[in-house]
N, C-alpha and C. Protein backbone atom coordinates (compact mmCIF):
# COMPACT_ATOMS: atom_id res chain seq x y z
N UNK A 1 5.72 -17.34 -15.06
CA UNK A 1 6.05 -18.90 -14.56
C UNK A 1 6.94 -18.38 -13.14
N UNK A 2 8.21 -18.83 -13.38
CA UNK A 2 8.72 -18.63 -12.06
C UNK A 2 9.37 -17.21 -11.89
N UNK A 3 9.56 -16.12 -12.85
CA UNK A 3 9.73 -15.05 -12.57
C UNK A 3 8.75 -14.52 -11.57
N UNK A 4 7.30 -14.49 -12.39
CA UNK A 4 6.17 -14.07 -11.95
C UNK A 4 6.23 -13.90 -10.44
N UNK A 5 6.36 -15.83 -10.09
CA UNK A 5 6.44 -16.47 -8.60
C UNK A 5 7.26 -15.38 -7.59
N UNK A 6 8.37 -15.34 -8.12
CA UNK A 6 9.32 -14.75 -7.30
C UNK A 6 9.16 -12.95 -7.32
N UNK A 7 8.46 -12.52 -8.21
CA UNK A 7 8.16 -10.96 -8.21
C UNK A 7 6.95 -10.64 -7.23
N UNK A 8 5.92 -11.71 -7.33
CA UNK A 8 4.54 -11.48 -6.98
C UNK A 8 4.89 -11.04 -5.38
N UNK A 9 5.53 -11.75 -4.60
CA UNK A 9 5.71 -11.09 -3.07
C UNK A 9 6.10 -9.74 -2.74
N UNK A 10 6.89 -9.22 -3.68
CA UNK A 10 7.43 -7.80 -3.63
C UNK A 10 6.47 -7.12 -4.20
N UNK A 11 5.62 -7.37 -5.06
CA UNK A 11 4.54 -6.56 -5.53
C UNK A 11 3.03 -6.51 -4.01
N UNK A 12 3.25 -7.51 -3.75
CA UNK A 12 1.90 -7.65 -2.46
C UNK A 12 2.68 -6.48 -1.51
N UNK A 13 4.08 -6.82 -1.20
CA UNK A 13 4.52 -6.04 -0.31
C UNK A 13 4.15 -4.44 -0.41
N UNK A 14 4.29 -4.05 -1.73
CA UNK A 14 4.50 -2.82 -2.13
C UNK A 14 3.17 -2.23 -2.31
N UNK A 15 2.00 -3.03 -2.46
CA UNK A 15 0.62 -2.70 -2.53
C UNK A 15 0.30 -2.72 -1.07
N UNK A 16 0.52 -3.59 -0.25
CA UNK A 16 0.28 -3.33 1.32
C UNK A 16 0.69 -2.02 1.66
N UNK A 17 2.29 -1.64 1.36
CA UNK A 17 2.71 -0.53 2.13
C UNK A 17 2.08 0.83 1.46
N UNK A 18 1.44 0.78 0.12
CA UNK A 18 0.82 1.95 -0.44
C UNK A 18 -0.49 2.09 0.23
N UNK A 19 -1.05 0.95 0.59
CA UNK A 19 -2.47 0.70 1.24
C UNK A 19 -2.32 1.52 2.68
N UNK A 20 -1.41 1.34 3.38
CA UNK A 20 -1.48 1.85 4.72
C UNK A 20 -0.80 3.07 4.57
N UNK A 21 0.09 3.43 3.90
CA UNK A 21 0.55 5.07 3.32
C UNK A 21 -0.87 5.68 2.96
N UNK A 22 -1.75 5.28 2.24
CA UNK A 22 -2.78 5.89 1.78
C UNK A 22 -3.90 6.12 3.11
N UNK A 23 -3.87 5.10 3.55
CA UNK A 23 -5.08 5.13 4.89
C UNK A 23 -4.14 6.16 5.70
N UNK A 24 -3.33 6.53 6.04
CA UNK A 24 -2.67 7.24 6.92
C UNK A 24 -2.72 8.72 6.20
N UNK A 25 -2.69 9.04 4.86
CA UNK A 25 -2.99 10.42 4.30
C UNK A 25 -4.36 10.62 4.51
N UNK A 26 -5.39 9.54 4.25
CA UNK A 26 -6.85 9.74 4.37
C UNK A 26 -7.26 10.01 5.81
N UNK A 27 -6.71 9.63 7.03
CA UNK A 27 -6.88 9.88 8.03
C UNK A 27 -6.32 11.22 8.60
N UNK A 28 -5.54 11.74 7.96
CA UNK A 28 -4.82 12.99 8.25
C UNK A 28 -5.44 14.06 7.48
N UNK A 29 -6.00 13.68 6.38
CA UNK A 29 -7.08 14.66 5.69
C UNK A 29 -8.33 15.01 6.58
N UNK A 30 -8.48 13.96 6.99
CA UNK A 30 -10.06 13.98 7.96
C UNK A 30 -9.76 14.53 8.96
N UNK A 31 -8.46 14.38 9.81
CA UNK A 31 -8.47 14.77 10.87
C UNK A 31 -8.19 16.61 10.76
N UNK A 32 -7.75 16.98 9.49
CA UNK A 32 -7.48 18.41 9.03
C UNK A 32 -8.66 19.03 8.92
N UNK A 33 -9.48 18.50 7.88
CA UNK A 33 -10.71 18.83 7.56
C UNK A 33 -11.76 18.99 8.36
N UNK A 34 -12.03 17.62 9.07
CA UNK A 34 -12.87 17.33 9.95
C UNK A 34 -12.79 18.21 11.38
């Protein structure tokens, strides 16, 4: 309910940050090995 609604934005921010970090890591690996 209320707790989940309050936590949701933080989780979304974390997921977005992890996604960006993962994409950067992938790009770095491609640059190094490609």
